[in-house]
Amino acid sequence: MYRHQEERSVEAVCYEHKHIEKVLEVIKLKFNEYFNDFITLEAGYGVSEQDIQKLAEKLGIERVKSKKNSDIAKKFKNIIVEASDDFQKDREKYIAIFDKEALEEYEDDPQYFKSTVLKKECPIIHHTLFSSAKELEKYKRDFNISDANELLTVVSNLCYFSEDYYNNFYDENTYDKINCYEDLRVSDLDTEDYTVYGVIGGGIKSHMLYKVYPAVFPNRSREAIWALWYLTDKKTFDCKQDSEFLMIDVDKSITQQNYFYPYELFTFYAHQIYQMLKQKADENNVYLDPENRYIIVDAFLSFVAKQHEEEISFLKQQIRDGGLGYA
């Protein structure tokens, strides 16, 4: 259980290669189960078989026959197009924030960067600050009292790190062959230089990076962490404090996804899930653009989480009733 941000985000065993291999074995087994629905329901973009049947009953039609799984390739391509379109909707705003010249100019007025650029022009922070969700009250307070200079420094660090990583480390021809988390070399992103505790944590920083460089930085969203819990069949893999993907406060009986899950480990699991998706794409002659590598991963993980909305809502209920969460 993780009651405070200062506590270690996961147990030491989670970094051991044998542990990671066990986790991946279960993910691979569960992957096919979810992938079939992912395609059949077109990642939620299409109309489900159940919805079609309900509509038919409403219209007084006895039975409707659909071409379930009739064209996997076509549905897969539709998912890619829809996911890409969704991704692009606000992408330019993030690219603008990662403009190096602009970031240097904000050094003369860091308060403007905080109160205008981040608060009003950064979609994920804006939506979080103006959300009516009770669990985000703590985030709003932390943002209001955060130091503008620190915010500017951390965002600038993220900008420079991501540009250097993409231009000097990333190699499209070898990236997909990486088979251990250390070789992805993103551990620095879990350090203080790239974090403003309570304000720019794993979720928000990863979203910003993902929006600018979807080829190399996966989106460690709330849904993504929940999805990993389901993809690992809720197993603990010898962790003493329940699943590494959960954050549990026994005193308050609150269960949430692990807000503090290390980006280094998350990136590796996302990287491996992409390999599974790519294999399915290759089998069906569907092209996945490596420049948009993690867009399809994000769509898949979001879909997995949405299949369990009722249970997730139940587990989060006490937070809405008075507990406090993190963004």
Protein backbone atom coordinates (compact mmCIF):
# COMPACT_ATOMS: atom_id res chain seq x y z
CA MET A 1 0.00 0.00 0.00
CA TYR A 2 1.29 3.48 -0.76
CA ARG A 3 -0.11 6.20 1.49
CA HIS A 4 2.42 8.91 0.77
CA GLN A 5 4.15 10.13 -2.34
CA GLU A 6 7.51 9.87 -0.62
CA GLU A 7 7.17 6.10 -0.29
CA ARG A 8 8.76 3.82 -2.85
CA SER A 9 6.38 3.57 -5.80
CA VAL A 10 6.75 -0.21 -6.18
CA GLU A 11 8.50 -3.00 -4.30
CA ALA A 12 12.08 -3.84 -5.27
CA VAL A 13 11.00 -7.21 -6.68
CA CYS A 14 9.16 -5.41 -9.49
CA TYR A 15 12.50 -4.48 -11.05
CA GLU A 16 13.80 -8.04 -11.10
CA HIS A 17 13.93 -9.64 -14.53
CA LYS A 18 12.35 -12.89 -13.36
CA HIS A 19 9.41 -10.95 -11.97
CA ILE A 20 9.02 -9.01 -15.21
CA GLU A 21 9.11 -12.24 -17.22
CA LYS A 22 6.28 -13.64 -15.09
CA VAL A 23 4.25 -10.47 -15.59
CA LEU A 24 4.75 -10.61 -19.35
CA GLU A 25 3.74 -14.27 -19.50
CA VAL A 26 0.35 -13.42 -18.04
CA ILE A 27 -0.06 -10.30 -20.19
CA LYS A 28 0.57 -12.40 -23.31
CA LEU A 29 -2.09 -14.89 -22.23
CA LYS A 30 -4.67 -12.19 -21.50
CA PHE A 31 -3.74 -10.14 -24.57
CA ASN A 32 -5.55 -12.35 -27.08
CA GLU A 33 -8.73 -12.31 -25.04
CA TYR A 34 -8.84 -8.52 -25.04
CA PHE A 35 -7.50 -8.12 -28.56
CA ASN A 36 -10.39 -10.09 -30.04
CA ASP A 37 -12.89 -7.72 -28.41
CA PHE A 38 -10.69 -4.74 -29.30
CA ILE A 39 -11.09 -5.62 -32.97
CA THR A 40 -14.70 -6.81 -32.83
CA LEU A 41 -15.86 -3.62 -31.11
CA GLU A 42 -13.38 -1.44 -33.05
CA ALA A 43 -11.84 -0.24 -29.78
CA GLY A 44 -15.19 1.20 -28.78
CA TYR A 45 -15.35 3.43 -31.85
CA GLY A 46 -17.77 1.07 -33.59
CA VAL A 47 -21.18 -0.25 -32.57
CA SER A 48 -21.14 -3.38 -30.43
CA GLU A 49 -23.01 -6.58 -31.20
CA GLN A 50 -24.98 -6.06 -28.00
CA ASP A 51 -26.07 -2.56 -29.02
CA ILE A 52 -27.17 -3.81 -32.43
CA GLN A 53 -29.28 -6.53 -30.81
CA LYS A 54 -30.87 -4.07 -28.36
CA LEU A 55 -31.80 -1.74 -31.21
CA ALA A 56 -33.27 -4.65 -33.16
CA GLU A 57 -35.42 -5.67 -30.19
CA LYS A 58 -36.63 -2.10 -29.79
CA LEU A 59 -37.67 -2.06 -33.43
CA GLY A 60 -39.42 -5.40 -33.06
CA ILE A 61 -36.97 -7.34 -35.20
CA GLU A 62 -36.56 -10.89 -33.93
CA ARG A 63 -32.88 -11.41 -34.73
CA VAL A 64 -30.06 -9.55 -36.38
CA LYS A 65 -27.16 -11.37 -37.97
CA SER A 66 -23.92 -9.42 -38.13
CA LYS A 67 -20.62 -10.18 -39.80
CA LYS A 68 -18.70 -10.56 -36.56
CA ASN A 69 -14.94 -10.61 -37.18
CA SER A 70 -15.65 -10.70 -40.92
CA ASP A 71 -12.79 -8.38 -41.74
CA ILE A 72 -10.17 -8.03 -39.02
CA ALA A 73 -7.86 -5.97 -41.21
CA LYS A 74 -10.55 -3.43 -42.06
CA LYS A 75 -11.54 -2.99 -38.42
CA PHE A 76 -7.92 -2.77 -37.31
CA LYS A 77 -7.29 -0.03 -39.87
CA ASN A 78 -10.40 1.83 -38.72
CA ILE A 79 -9.13 1.74 -35.14
CA ILE A 80 -5.76 3.14 -36.21
CA VAL A 81 -7.40 6.00 -38.11
CA GLU A 82 -9.80 6.88 -35.29
CA ALA A 83 -7.10 6.70 -32.62
CA SER A 84 -4.78 8.86 -34.70
CA ASP A 85 -7.51 11.44 -35.30
CA ASP A 86 -8.24 11.63 -31.56
CA PHE A 87 -4.54 11.97 -30.80
CA GLN A 88 -4.06 14.85 -33.24
CA LYS A 89 -6.94 16.99 -31.91
CA ASP A 90 -4.88 18.91 -29.36
CA ARG A 91 -1.36 17.82 -30.20
CA GLU A 92 -0.20 21.21 -31.52
CA LYS A 93 -0.77 22.76 -28.10
CA TYR A 94 1.76 20.40 -26.54
CA ILE A 95 4.26 20.95 -29.33
CA ALA A 96 3.94 24.70 -28.71
CA ILE A 97 4.68 24.23 -25.00
CA PHE A 98 7.85 22.30 -25.90
CA ASP A 99 9.17 25.18 -27.99
CA LYS A 100 12.71 25.81 -26.69
CA GLU A 101 12.83 29.49 -27.64
CA ALA A 102 9.52 30.15 -25.92
CA LEU A 103 10.65 28.31 -22.80
CA GLU A 104 13.75 30.50 -22.63
CA GLU A 105 11.59 33.63 -22.92
CA TYR A 106 9.37 32.46 -20.05
CA GLU A 107 12.43 32.67 -17.78
CA ASP A 108 11.69 36.41 -17.63
CA ASP A 109 8.15 35.72 -16.42
CA PRO A 110 7.74 32.22 -14.95
CA GLN A 111 4.45 33.23 -13.33
CA TYR A 112 2.97 33.78 -16.80
CA PHE A 113 4.15 30.31 -17.77
CA LYS A 114 2.34 28.85 -14.77
CA SER A 115 -0.87 30.89 -14.81
CA THR A 116 -1.37 31.07 -18.58
CA VAL A 117 0.65 28.46 -20.48
CA LEU A 118 0.14 25.55 -18.10
CA LYS A 119 -3.16 26.52 -16.51
CA LYS A 120 -4.97 27.65 -19.67
CA GLU A 121 -3.09 26.29 -22.69
CA CYS A 122 -1.92 22.83 -21.58
CA PRO A 123 -5.00 20.63 -22.16
CA ILE A 124 -4.33 17.94 -19.56
CA ILE A 125 -3.51 20.42 -16.78
CA HIS A 126 -6.38 22.73 -17.76
CA HIS A 127 -8.89 19.86 -17.74
CA THR A 128 -7.58 18.62 -14.39
CA LEU A 129 -7.76 22.05 -12.75
CA PHE A 130 -11.28 22.73 -13.99
CA SER A 131 -12.64 19.25 -13.34
CA SER A 132 -15.48 18.92 -10.83
CA ALA A 133 -14.14 15.55 -9.62
CA LYS A 134 -13.66 15.57 -5.86
CA GLU A 135 -10.58 13.34 -6.07
CA LEU A 136 -8.71 16.13 -7.89
CA GLU A 137 -9.08 18.73 -5.13
CA LYS A 138 -5.61 17.91 -3.83
CA TYR A 139 -4.11 18.44 -7.28
CA LYS A 140 -5.75 21.87 -7.53
CA ARG A 141 -4.33 22.91 -4.17
CA ASP A 142 -0.87 21.62 -5.04
CA PHE A 143 -0.90 23.46 -8.35
CA ASN A 144 -1.96 26.74 -6.73
CA ILE A 145 0.90 26.67 -4.23
CA SER A 146 3.53 25.29 -6.63
CA ASP A 147 6.61 27.32 -7.48
CA ALA A 148 6.44 28.84 -10.98
CA ASN A 149 10.21 28.66 -11.44
CA GLU A 150 10.22 24.97 -10.56
CA LEU A 151 7.40 24.27 -13.01
CA LEU A 152 9.27 26.04 -15.80
CA THR A 153 12.52 24.24 -14.98
CA VAL A 154 10.90 20.80 -14.99
CA VAL A 155 8.97 21.36 -18.23
CA SER A 156 12.17 22.68 -19.85
CA ASN A 157 14.02 19.58 -18.65
CA LEU A 158 11.31 17.38 -20.17
CA CYS A 159 11.57 19.28 -23.43
CA TYR A 160 15.36 18.93 -23.69
CA PHE A 161 15.38 15.29 -22.55
CA SER A 162 12.72 14.21 -25.03
CA GLU A 163 14.30 16.00 -27.97
CA ASP A 164 17.72 14.53 -27.21
CA TYR A 165 16.24 11.06 -26.67
CA TYR A 166 14.35 11.09 -29.96
CA ASN A 167 17.18 12.56 -32.03
CA ASN A 168 20.19 10.83 -30.50
CA PHE A 169 19.05 7.60 -28.84
CA TYR A 170 16.02 6.40 -30.73
CA ASP A 171 16.73 4.15 -33.70
CA GLU A 172 13.64 2.96 -35.55
CA ASN A 173 15.49 -0.13 -36.79
CA THR A 174 16.54 -1.40 -33.36
CA TYR A 175 14.02 0.06 -30.91
CA ASP A 176 11.50 -2.78 -31.21
CA LYS A 177 14.24 -5.34 -30.55
CA ILE A 178 14.92 -4.03 -27.04
CA ASN A 179 14.11 -6.76 -24.52
CA CYS A 180 14.87 -5.30 -21.09
CA TYR A 181 13.66 -2.13 -19.42
CA GLU A 182 17.15 -0.75 -18.70
CA ASP A 183 17.94 -0.55 -22.40
CA LEU A 184 15.07 1.87 -22.98
CA ARG A 185 17.03 4.42 -20.91
CA VAL A 186 14.13 6.42 -19.54
CA SER A 187 14.93 5.98 -15.83
CA ASP A 188 15.91 9.66 -15.50
CA LEU A 189 12.28 10.62 -16.05
CA ASP A 190 11.44 9.11 -12.64
CA THR A 191 13.84 11.49 -10.87
CA GLU A 192 13.31 14.89 -9.23
CA ASP A 193 14.74 16.79 -12.18
CA TYR A 194 11.65 15.83 -14.18
CA THR A 195 9.04 15.99 -11.42
CA VAL A 196 7.07 18.61 -9.51
CA TYR A 197 5.55 16.50 -6.76
CA GLY A 198 1.78 16.69 -6.72
CA VAL A 199 1.66 18.71 -9.95
CA ILE A 200 3.80 17.18 -12.69
CA GLY A 201 3.95 13.52 -11.81
CA GLY A 202 4.10 10.37 -13.90
CA GLY A 203 0.71 10.78 -15.54
CA ILE A 204 0.95 14.40 -16.64
CA LYS A 205 4.61 14.33 -17.67
CA SER A 206 4.12 11.16 -19.71
CA HIS A 207 1.05 12.63 -21.42
CA MET A 208 3.01 15.72 -22.45
CA LEU A 209 5.90 13.61 -23.78
CA TYR A 210 3.52 11.25 -25.56
CA LYS A 211 1.75 14.08 -27.34
CA VAL A 212 5.02 15.38 -28.79
CA TYR A 213 6.87 12.10 -29.41
CA PRO A 214 4.38 9.20 -29.71
CA ALA A 215 7.09 7.05 -31.28
CA VAL A 216 9.02 6.70 -28.03
CA PHE A 217 7.01 7.87 -25.02
CA PRO A 218 3.85 5.94 -24.04
CA ASN A 219 1.00 7.62 -22.19
CA ARG A 220 0.99 6.43 -18.57
CA SER A 221 -2.63 7.42 -18.03
CA ARG A 222 -4.93 6.31 -15.23
CA GLU A 223 -6.68 3.97 -17.63
CA ALA A 224 -3.35 2.49 -18.73
CA ILE A 225 -2.40 1.48 -15.18
CA TRP A 226 -5.84 0.01 -14.54
CA ALA A 227 -5.51 -1.89 -17.82
CA LEU A 228 -2.23 -3.44 -16.71
CA TRP A 229 -3.92 -4.68 -13.56
CA TYR A 230 -6.51 -6.50 -15.67
CA LEU A 231 -3.98 -7.68 -18.25
CA THR A 232 -1.99 -9.26 -15.42
CA ASP A 233 -5.18 -10.97 -14.20
CA LYS A 234 -4.93 -9.08 -10.88
CA LYS A 235 -2.01 -11.28 -9.83
CA THR A 236 0.57 -10.09 -7.29
CA PHE A 237 3.63 -11.96 -8.62
CA ASP A 238 5.17 -12.31 -5.15
CA CYS A 239 4.62 -8.66 -4.24
CA LYS A 240 3.91 -8.44 -0.50
CA GLN A 241 1.59 -5.44 -0.77
CA ASP A 242 -0.84 -6.65 -3.44
CA SER A 243 -0.49 -5.79 -7.14
CA GLU A 244 2.19 -3.32 -8.17
CA PHE A 245 -0.46 -1.59 -10.29
CA LEU A 246 -2.65 -0.72 -7.31
CA MET A 247 -2.34 1.93 -4.62
CA ILE A 248 -4.13 0.81 -1.47
CA ASP A 249 -4.78 2.73 1.72
CA VAL A 250 -6.00 0.19 4.25
CA ASP A 251 -6.89 2.83 6.85
CA LYS A 252 -9.34 4.53 4.47
CA SER A 253 -10.28 1.39 2.51
CA ILE A 254 -9.35 3.18 -0.71
CA THR A 255 -8.11 1.38 -3.80
CA GLN A 256 -6.76 3.31 -6.78
CA GLN A 257 -4.44 2.67 -9.66
CA ASN A 258 -0.83 3.24 -8.62
CA TYR A 259 -0.32 6.93 -9.42
CA PHE A 260 3.36 6.55 -8.64
CA TYR A 261 4.07 3.58 -10.89
CA PRO A 262 7.60 4.06 -12.34
CA TYR A 263 7.61 5.33 -15.89
CA GLU A 264 10.68 3.20 -16.59
CA LEU A 265 8.75 -0.02 -15.96
CA PHE A 266 5.54 1.22 -17.56
CA THR A 267 7.41 2.12 -20.75
CA PHE A 268 8.81 -1.38 -21.01
CA TYR A 269 5.41 -3.04 -20.61
CA ALA A 270 3.93 -0.63 -23.16
CA HIS A 271 6.85 -1.43 -25.46
CA GLN A 272 6.14 -5.15 -25.16
CA ILE A 273 2.40 -4.71 -25.71
CA TYR A 274 3.23 -2.83 -28.90
CA GLN A 275 5.17 -5.89 -30.09
CA MET A 276 2.05 -8.00 -29.52
CA LEU A 277 -0.10 -5.52 -31.44
CA LYS A 278 2.47 -5.34 -34.22
CA GLN A 279 2.49 -9.12 -34.57
CA LYS A 280 -1.30 -9.07 -34.98
CA ALA A 281 -1.00 -6.25 -37.48
CA ASP A 282 1.59 -8.14 -39.52
CA GLU A 283 -0.57 -11.27 -39.52
CA ASN A 284 -3.41 -9.25 -41.03
CA ASN A 285 -1.32 -7.12 -43.42
CA VAL A 286 -2.01 -3.96 -41.43
CA TYR A 287 0.68 -1.27 -41.29
CA LEU A 288 1.57 0.32 -37.96
CA ASP A 289 3.57 3.51 -38.37
CA PRO A 290 6.46 3.39 -35.87
CA GLU A 291 6.27 7.18 -35.57
CA ASN A 292 2.85 6.65 -33.99
CA ARG A 293 3.87 3.52 -32.09
CA TYR A 294 2.27 4.33 -28.77
CA ILE A 295 -0.99 5.72 -30.13
CA ILE A 296 -2.27 2.22 -30.83
CA VAL A 297 -0.98 1.04 -27.44
CA ASP A 298 -2.87 3.87 -25.73
CA ALA A 299 -6.04 2.97 -27.62
CA PHE A 300 -5.69 -0.69 -26.61
CA LEU A 301 -5.01 0.02 -22.92
CA SER A 302 -7.89 2.51 -22.76
CA PHE A 303 -10.17 -0.11 -24.29
CA VAL A 304 -9.13 -2.73 -21.74
CA ALA A 305 -9.86 -0.37 -18.84
CA LYS A 306 -13.24 0.62 -20.27
CA GLN A 307 -14.32 -3.02 -20.27
CA HIS A 308 -14.18 -2.85 -16.48
CA GLU A 309 -15.71 0.58 -15.87
CA GLU A 310 -18.20 -0.65 -13.29
CA GLU A 311 -15.61 -2.35 -11.09
CA ILE A 312 -13.18 0.55 -11.38
CA SER A 313 -15.95 2.97 -10.45
CA PHE A 314 -16.78 0.86 -7.40
CA LEU A 315 -13.14 0.73 -6.26
CA LYS A 316 -12.80 4.50 -6.68
CA GLN A 317 -16.09 5.28 -4.92
CA GLN A 318 -14.61 6.17 -1.56
CA ILE A 319 -12.24 8.65 -3.16
CA ARG A 320 -15.19 10.43 -4.70
CA ASP A 321 -16.88 10.35 -1.30
CA GLY A 322 -14.07 12.19 0.39
CA GLY A 323 -10.64 10.76 -0.28
CA LEU A 324 -8.05 12.61 -2.32
CA GLY A 325 -6.28 11.46 -5.43
CA TYR A 326 -3.47 12.58 -7.68
CA ALA A 327 -3.35 13.49 -11.35
